[in-house]
Amino acid sequence: MADLKAQFETAVAESKQLPEKPDNMTLLQIYALYKQATAGDVEGKRPGFTDMVGRAKYDAWDGLKGKSSDEAMQEYIDLIESLK
């Protein structure tokens, strides 16, 4: 577990230094996996239709509901590795 957490933290740092900015769908996936790994299932109300960015983030995170923190961490690590 400690090893996965260390790999995750390394991937988070690496995500800020990618050679090129990922497209919006990939950025949403990165965001959702990070939130699922660190905070668990999404809570609260879905933002209104006037907050399109907030709504997209909420929906992406909500799509991972039920995924364990470890699974989300591993998927995050794999995604960042694929973008390097």
C-alpha atoms as a PDB file:
ATOM      1  CA  MET A   1       0.000   0.000   0.000  1.00  0.00           C
ATOM      2  CA  ALA A   2       2.754   2.450   0.916  1.00  0.00           C
ATOM      3  CA  ASP A   3       4.439   1.678  -2.410  1.00  0.00           C
ATOM      4  CA  LEU A   4       1.239   2.422  -4.366  1.00  0.00           C
ATOM      5  CA  LYS A   5       0.799   5.684  -2.447  1.00  0.00           C
ATOM      6  CA  ALA A   6       4.395   6.708  -3.251  1.00  0.00           C
ATOM      7  CA  GLN A   7       3.908   5.858  -6.945  1.00  0.00           C
ATOM      8  CA  PHE A   8       0.655   7.853  -6.913  1.00  0.00           C
ATOM      9  CA  GLU A   9       2.336  10.910  -5.379  1.00  0.00           C
ATOM     10  CA  THR A  10       5.117  10.669  -7.972  1.00  0.00           C
ATOM     11  CA  ALA A  11       2.520  10.465 -10.770  1.00  0.00           C
ATOM     12  CA  VAL A  12       0.718  13.530  -9.351  1.00  0.00           C
ATOM     13  CA  ALA A  13       3.985  15.487  -9.482  1.00  0.00           C
ATOM     14  CA  GLU A  14       4.686  14.206 -12.997  1.00  0.00           C
ATOM     15  CA  SER A  15       1.193  15.181 -14.153  1.00  0.00           C
ATOM     16  CA  LYS A  16       2.188  18.834 -13.708  1.00  0.00           C
ATOM     17  CA  GLN A  17       5.224  18.409 -16.004  1.00  0.00           C
ATOM     18  CA  LEU A  18       3.797  16.539 -18.981  1.00  0.00           C
ATOM     19  CA  PRO A  19       5.456  17.393 -22.312  1.00  0.00           C
ATOM     20  CA  GLU A  20       2.146  18.636 -23.712  1.00  0.00           C
ATOM     21  CA  LYS A  21      -1.217  19.509 -22.211  1.00  0.00           C
ATOM     22  CA  PRO A  22      -3.689  16.618 -22.567  1.00  0.00           C
ATOM     23  CA  ASP A  23      -7.061  17.166 -24.259  1.00  0.00           C
ATOM     24  CA  ASN A  24     -10.076  18.091 -22.131  1.00  0.00           C
ATOM     25  CA  MET A  25     -11.479  14.551 -21.915  1.00  0.00           C
ATOM     26  CA  THR A  26      -8.127  13.257 -20.648  1.00  0.00           C
ATOM     27  CA  LEU A  27      -7.888  16.136 -18.176  1.00  0.00           C
ATOM     28  CA  LEU A  28     -11.344  15.219 -16.861  1.00  0.00           C
ATOM     29  CA  GLN A  29     -10.243  11.610 -16.474  1.00  0.00           C
ATOM     30  CA  ILE A  30      -7.101  12.700 -14.591  1.00  0.00           C
ATOM     31  CA  TYR A  31      -9.221  14.916 -12.330  1.00  0.00           C
ATOM     32  CA  ALA A  32     -11.824  12.229 -11.651  1.00  0.00           C
ATOM     33  CA  LEU A  33      -9.249   9.525 -10.878  1.00  0.00           C
ATOM     34  CA  TYR A  34      -7.382  11.895  -8.548  1.00  0.00           C
ATOM     35  CA  LYS A  35     -10.556  12.833  -6.674  1.00  0.00           C
ATOM     36  CA  GLN A  36     -11.710   9.201  -6.430  1.00  0.00           C
ATOM     37  CA  ALA A  37      -8.271   8.138  -5.141  1.00  0.00           C
ATOM     38  CA  THR A  38      -8.014  10.906  -2.558  1.00  0.00           C
ATOM     39  CA  ALA A  39     -11.616  11.627  -1.516  1.00  0.00           C
ATOM     40  CA  GLY A  40     -13.680   8.561  -2.470  1.00  0.00           C
ATOM     41  CA  ASP A  41     -17.126   8.719  -4.047  1.00  0.00           C
ATOM     42  CA  VAL A  42     -18.462  12.100  -5.136  1.00  0.00           C
ATOM     43  CA  GLU A  43     -20.791  13.839  -2.681  1.00  0.00           C
ATOM     44  CA  GLY A  44     -23.032  16.859  -2.861  1.00  0.00           C
ATOM     45  CA  LYS A  45     -25.319  18.221  -5.524  1.00  0.00           C
ATOM     46  CA  ARG A  46     -24.506  18.236  -9.220  1.00  0.00           C
ATOM     47  CA  PRO A  47     -23.702  21.804 -10.350  1.00  0.00           C
ATOM     48  CA  GLY A  48     -26.325  23.601 -12.407  1.00  0.00           C
ATOM     49  CA  PHE A  49     -26.222  23.859 -16.190  1.00  0.00           C
ATOM     50  CA  THR A  50     -24.653  27.338 -16.015  1.00  0.00           C
ATOM     51  CA  ASP A  51     -21.503  25.844 -14.447  1.00  0.00           C
ATOM     52  CA  MET A  52     -20.445  23.663 -17.369  1.00  0.00           C
ATOM     53  CA  VAL A  53     -16.905  23.022 -16.120  1.00  0.00           C
ATOM     54  CA  GLY A  54     -18.068  22.108 -12.621  1.00  0.00           C
ATOM     55  CA  ARG A  55     -20.781  19.899 -14.068  1.00  0.00           C
ATOM     56  CA  ALA A  56     -18.332  18.069 -16.362  1.00  0.00           C
ATOM     57  CA  LYS A  57     -15.950  17.491 -13.443  1.00  0.00           C
ATOM     58  CA  TYR A  58     -18.790  16.243 -11.246  1.00  0.00           C
ATOM     59  CA  ASP A  59     -20.050  13.874 -13.947  1.00  0.00           C
ATOM     60  CA  ALA A  60     -16.562  12.488 -14.621  1.00  0.00           C
ATOM     61  CA  TRP A  61     -15.989  11.864 -10.918  1.00  0.00           C
ATOM     62  CA  ASP A  62     -19.490  10.441 -10.462  1.00  0.00           C
ATOM     63  CA  GLY A  63     -18.730   7.937 -13.231  1.00  0.00           C
ATOM     64  CA  LEU A  64     -16.126   6.333 -10.951  1.00  0.00           C
ATOM     65  CA  LYS A  65     -18.508   5.795  -8.049  1.00  0.00           C
ATOM     66  CA  GLY A  66     -17.738   2.545  -6.228  1.00  0.00           C
ATOM     67  CA  LYS A  67     -14.135   2.295  -7.479  1.00  0.00           C
ATOM     68  CA  SER A  68     -11.708   1.721  -4.615  1.00  0.00           C
ATOM     69  CA  SER A  69      -9.032   4.252  -3.768  1.00  0.00           C
ATOM     70  CA  ASP A  70      -6.308   1.747  -4.705  1.00  0.00           C
ATOM     71  CA  GLU A  71      -7.896   1.033  -8.105  1.00  0.00           C
ATOM     72  CA  ALA A  72      -8.220   4.747  -8.823  1.00  0.00           C
ATOM     73  CA  MET A  73      -4.595   5.350  -7.790  1.00  0.00           C
ATOM     74  CA  GLN A  74      -3.351   2.592 -10.088  1.00  0.00           C
ATOM     75  CA  GLU A  75      -5.422   3.848 -13.029  1.00  0.00           C
ATOM     76  CA  TYR A  76      -4.141   7.380 -12.400  1.00  0.00           C
ATOM     77  CA  ILE A  77      -0.522   6.155 -12.382  1.00  0.00           C
ATOM     78  CA  ASP A  78      -1.080   4.177 -15.605  1.00  0.00           C
ATOM     79  CA  LEU A  79      -2.753   7.153 -17.317  1.00  0.00           C
ATOM     80  CA  ILE A  80       0.053   9.572 -16.423  1.00  0.00           C
ATOM     81  CA  GLU A  81       2.651   7.025 -17.583  1.00  0.00           C
ATOM     82  CA  SER A  82       0.867   6.733 -20.945  1.00  0.00           C
ATOM     83  CA  LEU A  83       0.962  10.515 -21.400  1.00  0.00           C
ATOM     84  CA  LYS A  84       4.709  10.928 -20.811  1.00  0.00           C
END
